[in-house]
Every structure is written in structure tokens, then in C-alpha cells.
Amino acid sequence: MRVFGTASLENVSTRGALIQMDKPLWLGAQVDLSIKLPFEKASWMLYSAEVLRTEPTASGHRVAVEFSPAKPVFTDIA
């Protein structure tokens, strides 16, 4: 199943990220993330990740993911 959504990055580390999403995800789900970097030229980090934790919030869902592999792919296209 594919789910497309927009998320806000709350924090990021070399191993994973905590994101605020408008849609729920399930534990163990494999996801592909595109993180836009704040550079003048469009630049993106692309990661594959696994959902480790999810919790409902007043504005959506907070989701913790672990990157796999830990090294992103960099591109100028999302």
C-alpha cells in the first residue's frame, strides 16, 4: 500500500527522525522519505526508513522512524 502525505520534521539524527504527519502510519511500515534541505539550490536527502513508533497528536500523528541504510541519497529532485 502506498500512502502519500506531507510532514514536518521535528528532529533528525544520523539514525532516524521524528516527524509530524497528517496521516497515520503503522508500526514496522517501510517508508521512503524526501527531506528538503534549506539551501538556495533545490536539494533533497532521500532515505528509506522503518516506522518504530507512532502516536496521535492534536494536529495529526507523531512518527519516529529509523533510517535504513543510515546514509542518504542526495539529489536536486524529490
PDB file of N, CA and C in Angstrom:
ATOM      1  N   MET A   1       0.841  -1.176   0.000  1.00  0.00           N
ATOM      2  CA  MET A   1       0.000   0.000   0.000  1.00  0.00           C
ATOM      3  C   MET A   1       0.884   1.237   0.000  1.00  0.00           C
ATOM      4  N   ARG A   2       0.520   2.229  -0.797  1.00  0.00           N
ATOM      5  CA  ARG A   2       1.253   3.490  -0.829  1.00  0.00           C
ATOM      6  C   ARG A   2       0.424   4.565  -0.155  1.00  0.00           C
ATOM      7  N   VAL A   3       1.097   5.348   0.690  1.00  0.00           N
ATOM      8  CA  VAL A   3       0.470   6.476   1.366  1.00  0.00           C
ATOM      9  C   VAL A   3       1.328   7.694   1.071  1.00  0.00           C
ATOM     10  N   PHE A   4       0.724   8.739   0.549  1.00  0.00           N
ATOM     11  CA  PHE A   4       1.446   9.977   0.288  1.00  0.00           C
ATOM     12  C   PHE A   4       0.966  11.014   1.280  1.00  0.00           C
ATOM     13  N   GLY A   5       1.887  11.779   1.817  1.00  0.00           N
ATOM     14  CA  GLY A   5       1.500  12.808   2.765  1.00  0.00           C
ATOM     15  C   GLY A   5       2.603  13.825   2.928  1.00  0.00           C
ATOM     16  N   THR A   6       2.276  14.871   3.624  1.00  0.00           N
ATOM     17  CA  THR A   6       3.222  15.923   3.943  1.00  0.00           C
ATOM     18  C   THR A   6       3.520  15.838   5.425  1.00  0.00           C
ATOM     19  N   ALA A   7       4.769  16.099   5.776  1.00  0.00           N
ATOM     20  CA  ALA A   7       5.172  16.002   7.179  1.00  0.00           C
ATOM     21  C   ALA A   7       6.083  17.165   7.534  1.00  0.00           C
ATOM     22  N   SER A   8       6.145  17.453   8.831  1.00  0.00           N
ATOM     23  CA  SER A   8       7.087  18.430   9.363  1.00  0.00           C
ATOM     24  C   SER A   8       8.151  17.667  10.126  1.00  0.00           C
ATOM     25  N   LEU A   9       9.387  17.999   9.881  1.00  0.00           N
ATOM     26  CA  LEU A   9      10.496  17.344  10.547  1.00  0.00           C
ATOM     27  C   LEU A   9      10.694  17.987  11.917  1.00  0.00           C
ATOM     28  N   GLU A  10      10.498  17.204  12.990  1.00  0.00           N
ATOM     29  CA  GLU A  10      10.694  17.740  14.343  1.00  0.00           C
ATOM     30  C   GLU A  10      12.153  17.654  14.754  1.00  0.00           C
ATOM     31  N   ASN A  11      12.794  16.521  14.450  1.00  0.00           N
ATOM     32  CA  ASN A  11      14.232  16.404  14.650  1.00  0.00           C
ATOM     33  C   ASN A  11      14.762  15.275  13.787  1.00  0.00           C
ATOM     34  N   VAL A  12      16.079  15.317  13.553  1.00  0.00           N
ATOM     35  CA  VAL A  12      16.714  14.315  12.712  1.00  0.00           C
ATOM     36  C   VAL A  12      18.093  14.012  13.291  1.00  0.00           C
ATOM     37  N   SER A  13      18.510  12.766  13.198  1.00  0.00           N
ATOM     38  CA  SER A  13      19.848  12.354  13.618  1.00  0.00           C
ATOM     39  C   SER A  13      20.430  11.469  12.523  1.00  0.00           C
ATOM     40  N   THR A  14      21.592  10.924  12.756  1.00  0.00           N
ATOM     41  CA  THR A  14      22.200  10.047  11.765  1.00  0.00           C
ATOM     42  C   THR A  14      21.462   8.722  11.656  1.00  0.00           C
ATOM     43  N   ARG A  15      20.676   8.345  12.670  1.00  0.00           N
ATOM     44  CA  ARG A  15      19.986   7.049  12.674  1.00  0.00           C
ATOM     45  C   ARG A  15      18.501   7.127  12.357  1.00  0.00           C
ATOM     46  N   GLY A  16      17.899   8.313  12.511  1.00  0.00           N
ATOM     47  CA  GLY A  16      16.468   8.384  12.279  1.00  0.00           C
ATOM     48  C   GLY A  16      15.925   9.788  12.411  1.00  0.00           C
ATOM     49  N   ALA A  17      14.581   9.865  12.476  1.00  0.00           N
ATOM     50  CA  ALA A  17      13.925  11.169  12.541  1.00  0.00           C
ATOM     51  C   ALA A  17      12.600  11.048  13.284  1.00  0.00           C
ATOM     52  N   LEU A  18      12.137  12.177  13.796  1.00  0.00           N
ATOM     53  CA  LEU A  18      10.813  12.292  14.384  1.00  0.00           C
ATOM     54  C   LEU A  18      10.062  13.286  13.521  1.00  0.00           C
ATOM     55  N   ILE A  19       8.927  12.851  12.979  1.00  0.00           N
ATOM     56  CA  ILE A  19       8.169  13.694  12.065  1.00  0.00           C
ATOM     57  C   ILE A  19       6.724  13.827  12.524  1.00  0.00           C
ATOM     58  N   GLN A  20       6.113  14.937  12.195  1.00  0.00           N
ATOM     59  CA  GLN A  20       4.700  15.200  12.466  1.00  0.00           C
ATOM     60  C   GLN A  20       3.984  15.068  11.135  1.00  0.00           C
ATOM     61  N   MET A  21       3.026  14.124  11.054  1.00  0.00           N
ATOM     62  CA  MET A  21       2.336  13.848   9.790  1.00  0.00           C
ATOM     63  C   MET A  21       0.846  14.111   9.907  1.00  0.00           C
ATOM     64  N   ASP A  22       0.227  14.316   8.747  1.00  0.00           N
ATOM     65  CA  ASP A  22      -1.222  14.489   8.712  1.00  0.00           C
ATOM     66  C   ASP A  22      -1.949  13.146   8.650  1.00  0.00           C
ATOM     67  N   LYS A  23      -1.225  12.067   8.301  1.00  0.00           N
ATOM     68  CA  LYS A  23      -1.835  10.744   8.165  1.00  0.00           C
ATOM     69  C   LYS A  23      -1.132   9.746   9.081  1.00  0.00           C
ATOM     70  N   PRO A  24      -1.842   8.734   9.569  1.00  0.00           N
ATOM     71  CA  PRO A  24      -1.193   7.735  10.427  1.00  0.00           C
ATOM     72  C   PRO A  24      -0.380   6.727   9.612  1.00  0.00           C
ATOM     73  N   LEU A  25       0.645   6.172  10.228  1.00  0.00           N
ATOM     74  CA  LEU A  25       1.401   5.059   9.664  1.00  0.00           C
ATOM     75  C   LEU A  25       1.379   3.933  10.688  1.00  0.00           C
ATOM     76  N   TRP A  26       1.652   2.710  10.264  1.00  0.00           N
ATOM     77  CA  TRP A  26       1.607   1.582  11.184  1.00  0.00           C
ATOM     78  C   TRP A  26       3.025   1.162  11.562  1.00  0.00           C
ATOM     79  N   LEU A  27       3.164   0.567  12.744  1.00  0.00           N
ATOM     80  CA  LEU A  27       4.461   0.091  13.218  1.00  0.00           C
ATOM     81  C   LEU A  27       5.049  -0.911  12.243  1.00  0.00           C
ATOM     82  N   GLY A  28       6.329  -0.787  11.981  1.00  0.00           N
ATOM     83  CA  GLY A  28       7.009  -1.699  11.077  1.00  0.00           C
ATOM     84  C   GLY A  28       6.887  -1.338   9.606  1.00  0.00           C
ATOM     85  N   ALA A  29       6.102  -0.332   9.281  1.00  0.00           N
ATOM     86  CA  ALA A  29       5.937   0.071   7.877  1.00  0.00           C
ATOM     87  C   ALA A  29       7.272   0.540   7.304  1.00  0.00           C
ATOM     88  N   GLN A  30       7.541   0.176   6.069  1.00  0.00           N
ATOM     89  CA  GLN A  30       8.721   0.642   5.340  1.00  0.00           C
ATOM     90  C   GLN A  30       8.305   1.883   4.557  1.00  0.00           C
ATOM     91  N   VAL A  31       9.017   2.979   4.761  1.00  0.00           N
ATOM     92  CA  VAL A  31       8.649   4.235   4.110  1.00  0.00           C
ATOM     93  C   VAL A  31       9.852   4.832   3.384  1.00  0.00           C
ATOM     94  N   ASP A  32       9.582   5.645   2.385  1.00  0.00           N
ATOM     95  CA  ASP A  32      10.598   6.429   1.694  1.00  0.00           C
ATOM     96  C   ASP A  32      10.361   7.885   2.053  1.00  0.00           C
ATOM     97  N   LEU A  33      11.393   8.554   2.552  1.00  0.00           N
ATOM     98  CA  LEU A  33      11.288   9.954   2.959  1.00  0.00           C
ATOM     99  C   LEU A  33      12.122  10.830   2.044  1.00  0.00           C
ATOM    100  N   SER A  34      11.584  11.983   1.700  1.00  0.00           N
ATOM    101  CA  SER A  34      12.320  13.013   0.963  1.00  0.00           C
ATOM    102  C   SER A  34      12.377  14.232   1.868  1.00  0.00           C
ATOM    103  N   ILE A  35      13.581  14.608   2.284  1.00  0.00           N
ATOM    104  CA  ILE A  35      13.762  15.740   3.194  1.00  0.00           C
ATOM    105  C   ILE A  35      14.405  16.874   2.420  1.00  0.00           C
ATOM    106  N   LYS A  36      13.686  18.013   2.316  1.00  0.00           N
ATOM    107  CA  LYS A  36      14.197  19.179   1.589  1.00  0.00           C
ATOM    108  C   LYS A  36      15.187  19.923   2.478  1.00  0.00           C
ATOM    109  N   LEU A  37      16.365  20.157   1.937  1.00  0.00           N
ATOM    110  CA  LEU A  37      17.400  20.886   2.661  1.00  0.00           C
ATOM    111  C   LEU A  37      17.250  22.380   2.410  1.00  0.00           C
ATOM    112  N   PRO A  38      17.537  23.203   3.408  1.00  0.00           N
ATOM    113  CA  PRO A  38      17.324  24.655   3.274  1.00  0.00           C
ATOM    114  C   PRO A  38      18.481  25.364   2.567  1.00  0.00           C
ATOM    115  N   PHE A  39      18.733  24.979   1.324  1.00  0.00           N
ATOM    116  CA  PHE A  39      19.777  25.602   0.529  1.00  0.00           C
ATOM    117  C   PHE A  39      19.141  26.430  -0.579  1.00  0.00           C
ATOM    118  N   GLU A  40      19.924  27.346  -1.139  1.00  0.00           N
ATOM    119  CA  GLU A  40      19.423  28.191  -2.219  1.00  0.00           C
ATOM    120  C   GLU A  40      18.995  27.351  -3.423  1.00  0.00           C
ATOM    121  N   LYS A  41      19.841  26.403  -3.811  1.00  0.00           N
ATOM    122  CA  LYS A  41      19.506  25.487  -4.901  1.00  0.00           C
ATOM    123  C   LYS A  41      18.705  24.327  -4.315  1.00  0.00           C
ATOM    124  N   ALA A  42      17.653  23.909  -4.987  1.00  0.00           N
ATOM    125  CA  ALA A  42      16.842  22.793  -4.506  1.00  0.00           C
ATOM    126  C   ALA A  42      17.728  21.580  -4.260  1.00  0.00           C
ATOM    127  N   SER A  43      17.658  21.035  -3.069  1.00  0.00           N
ATOM    128  CA  SER A  43      18.475  19.893  -2.696  1.00  0.00           C
ATOM    129  C   SER A  43      17.679  19.023  -1.723  1.00  0.00           C
ATOM    130  N   TRP A  44      17.723  17.724  -1.943  1.00  0.00           N
ATOM    131  CA  TRP A  44      16.926  16.788  -1.147  1.00  0.00           C
ATOM    132  C   TRP A  44      17.789  15.638  -0.636  1.00  0.00           C
ATOM    133  N   MET A  45      17.442  15.124   0.547  1.00  0.00           N
ATOM    134  CA  MET A  45      18.006  13.879   1.059  1.00  0.00           C
ATOM    135  C   MET A  45      16.906  12.832   0.957  1.00  0.00           C
ATOM    136  N   LEU A  46      17.226  11.695   0.363  1.00  0.00           N
ATOM    137  CA  LEU A  46      16.258  10.615   0.212  1.00  0.00           C
ATOM    138  C   LEU A  46      16.679   9.453   1.107  1.00  0.00           C
ATOM    139  N   TYR A  47      15.754   8.986   1.928  1.00  0.00           N
ATOM    140  CA  TYR A  47      16.008   7.891   2.859  1.00  0.00           C
ATOM    141  C   TYR A  47      14.932   6.823   2.728  1.00  0.00           C
ATOM    142  N   SER A  48      15.306   5.585   2.971  1.00  0.00           N
ATOM    143  CA  SER A  48      14.350   4.524   3.268  1.00  0.00           C
ATOM    144  C   SER A  48      14.364   4.393   4.775  1.00  0.00           C
ATOM    145  N   ALA A  49      13.214   4.083   5.368  1.00  0.00           N
ATOM    146  CA  ALA A  49      13.139   4.022   6.827  1.00  0.00           C
ATOM    147  C   ALA A  49      12.053   3.047   7.264  1.00  0.00           C
ATOM    148  N   GLU A  50      12.121   2.677   8.551  1.00  0.00           N
ATOM    149  CA  GLU A  50      11.105   1.824   9.164  1.00  0.00           C
ATOM    150  C   GLU A  50      10.449   2.580  10.307  1.00  0.00           C
ATOM    151  N   VAL A  51       9.121   2.491  10.413  1.00  0.00           N
ATOM    152  CA  VAL A  51       8.381   3.157  11.486  1.00  0.00           C
ATOM    153  C   VAL A  51       8.588   2.376  12.781  1.00  0.00           C
ATOM    154  N   LEU A  52       9.130   3.076  13.805  1.00  0.00           N
ATOM    155  CA  LEU A  52       9.377   2.455  15.108  1.00  0.00           C
ATOM    156  C   LEU A  52       8.302   2.797  16.129  1.00  0.00           C
ATOM    157  N   ARG A  53       7.726   3.992  16.000  1.00  0.00           N
ATOM    158  CA  ARG A  53       6.741   4.458  16.990  1.00  0.00           C
ATOM    159  C   ARG A  53       5.806   5.445  16.319  1.00  0.00           C
ATOM    160  N   THR A  54       4.557   5.434  16.749  1.00  0.00           N
ATOM    161  CA  THR A  54       3.590   6.411  16.252  1.00  0.00           C
ATOM    162  C   THR A  54       2.638   6.771  17.383  1.00  0.00           C
ATOM    163  N   GLU A  55       2.233   8.023  17.446  1.00  0.00           N
ATOM    164  CA  GLU A  55       1.282   8.464  18.465  1.00  0.00           C
ATOM    165  C   GLU A  55       0.424   9.588  17.910  1.00  0.00           C
ATOM    166  N   PRO A  56      -0.863   9.571  18.250  1.00  0.00           N
ATOM    167  CA  PRO A  56      -1.737  10.653  17.779  1.00  0.00           C
ATOM    168  C   PRO A  56      -1.420  11.953  18.526  1.00  0.00           C
ATOM    169  N   THR A  57      -1.586  13.071  17.829  1.00  0.00           N
ATOM    170  CA  THR A  57      -1.433  14.399  18.433  1.00  0.00           C
ATOM    171  C   THR A  57      -2.644  15.233  18.041  1.00  0.00           C
ATOM    172  N   ALA A  58      -2.734  16.418  18.595  1.00  0.00           N
ATOM    173  CA  ALA A  58      -3.867  17.299  18.284  1.00  0.00           C
ATOM    174  C   ALA A  58      -3.891  17.685  16.800  1.00  0.00           C
ATOM    175  N   SER A  59      -2.712  17.717  16.167  1.00  0.00           N
ATOM    176  CA  SER A  59      -2.656  18.157  14.774  1.00  0.00           C
ATOM    177  C   SER A  59      -2.340  17.031  13.786  1.00  0.00           C
ATOM    178  N   GLY A  60      -2.378  15.786  14.223  1.00  0.00           N
ATOM    179  CA  GLY A  60      -2.090  14.679  13.306  1.00  0.00           C
ATOM    180  C   GLY A  60      -1.474  13.495  14.018  1.00  0.00           C
ATOM    181  N   HIS A  61      -0.267  13.121  13.581  1.00  0.00           N
ATOM    182  CA  HIS A  61       0.407  11.943  14.129  1.00  0.00           C
ATOM    183  C   HIS A  61       1.904  12.201  14.199  1.00  0.00           C
ATOM    184  N   ARG A  62       2.501  11.888  15.348  1.00  0.00           N
ATOM    185  CA  ARG A  62       3.947  11.970  15.503  1.00  0.00           C
ATOM    186  C   ARG A  62       4.503  10.580  15.228  1.00  0.00           C
ATOM    187  N   VAL A  63       5.496  10.504  14.331  1.00  0.00           N
ATOM    188  CA  VAL A  63       6.031   9.222  13.870  1.00  0.00           C
ATOM    189  C   VAL A  63       7.549   9.217  14.017  1.00  0.00           C
ATOM    190  N   ALA A  64       8.080   8.188  14.689  1.00  0.00           N
ATOM    191  CA  ALA A  64       9.524   8.007  14.808  1.00  0.00           C
ATOM    192  C   ALA A  64       9.956   6.941  13.807  1.00  0.00           C
ATOM    193  N   VAL A  65      10.989   7.249  13.020  1.00  0.00           N
ATOM    194  CA  VAL A  65      11.480   6.310  12.016  1.00  0.00           C
ATOM    195  C   VAL A  65      12.979   6.097  12.196  1.00  0.00           C
ATOM    196  N   GLU A  66      13.434   4.909  11.791  1.00  0.00           N
ATOM    197  CA  GLU A  66      14.861   4.601  11.771  1.00  0.00           C
ATOM    198  C   GLU A  66      15.280   4.429  10.318  1.00  0.00           C
ATOM    199  N   PHE A  67      16.353   5.133   9.922  1.00  0.00           N
ATOM    200  CA  PHE A  67      16.827   5.069   8.551  1.00  0.00           C
ATOM    201  C   PHE A  67      17.493   3.722   8.261  1.00  0.00           C
ATOM    202  N   SER A  68      17.317   3.254   7.026  1.00  0.00           N
ATOM    203  CA  SER A  68      17.944   2.012   6.601  1.00  0.00           C
ATOM    204  C   SER A  68      18.234   2.108   5.112  1.00  0.00           C
ATOM    205  N   PRO A  69      19.418   2.250   4.665  1.00  0.00           N
ATOM    206  CA  PRO A  69      20.650   2.406   5.440  1.00  0.00           C
ATOM    207  C   PRO A  69      20.756   3.818   6.013  1.00  0.00           C
ATOM    208  N   ALA A  70      21.726   4.010   6.887  1.00  0.00           N
ATOM    209  CA  ALA A  70      21.864   5.298   7.571  1.00  0.00           C
ATOM    210  C   ALA A  70      22.375   6.408   6.659  1.00  0.00           C
ATOM    211  N   LYS A  71      22.903   6.068   5.492  1.00  0.00           N
ATOM    212  CA  LYS A  71      23.450   7.075   4.579  1.00  0.00           C
ATOM    213  C   LYS A  71      22.404   7.463   3.538  1.00  0.00           C
ATOM    214  N   PRO A  72      22.071   8.773   3.427  1.00  0.00           N
ATOM    215  CA  PRO A  72      21.051   9.193   2.450  1.00  0.00           C
ATOM    216  C   PRO A  72      21.603   9.282   1.034  1.00  0.00           C
ATOM    217  N   VAL A  73      20.685   9.373   0.097  1.00  0.00           N
ATOM    218  CA  VAL A  73      20.994   9.699  -1.296  1.00  0.00           C
ATOM    219  C   VAL A  73      20.671  11.175  -1.462  1.00  0.00           C
ATOM    220  N   PHE A  74      21.579  11.951  -2.037  1.00  0.00           N
ATOM    221  CA  PHE A  74      21.362  13.382  -2.264  1.00  0.00           C
ATOM    222  C   PHE A  74      20.987  13.612  -3.717  1.00  0.00           C
ATOM    223  N   THR A  75      19.997  14.481  -3.946  1.00  0.00           N
ATOM    224  CA  THR A  75      19.548  14.773  -5.302  1.00  0.00           C
ATOM    225  C   THR A  75      18.970  16.177  -5.350  1.00  0.00           C
ATOM    226  N   ASP A  76      18.774  16.688  -6.560  1.00  0.00           N
ATOM    227  CA  ASP A  76      18.120  18.002  -6.706  1.00  0.00           C
ATOM    228  C   ASP A  76      16.645  17.831  -7.097  1.00  0.00           C
ATOM    229  N   ILE A  77      16.160  16.587  -7.121  1.00  0.00           N
ATOM    230  CA  ILE A  77      14.762  16.280  -7.435  1.00  0.00           C
ATOM    231  C   ILE A  77      14.176  15.432  -6.314  1.00  0.00           C
ATOM    232  N   ALA A  78      12.969  15.754  -5.863  1.00  0.00           N
ATOM    233  CA  ALA A  78      12.330  14.975  -4.791  1.00  0.00           C
ATOM    234  C   ALA A  78      11.739  13.699  -5.324  1.00  0.00           C
TER     235      ALA A  78
END
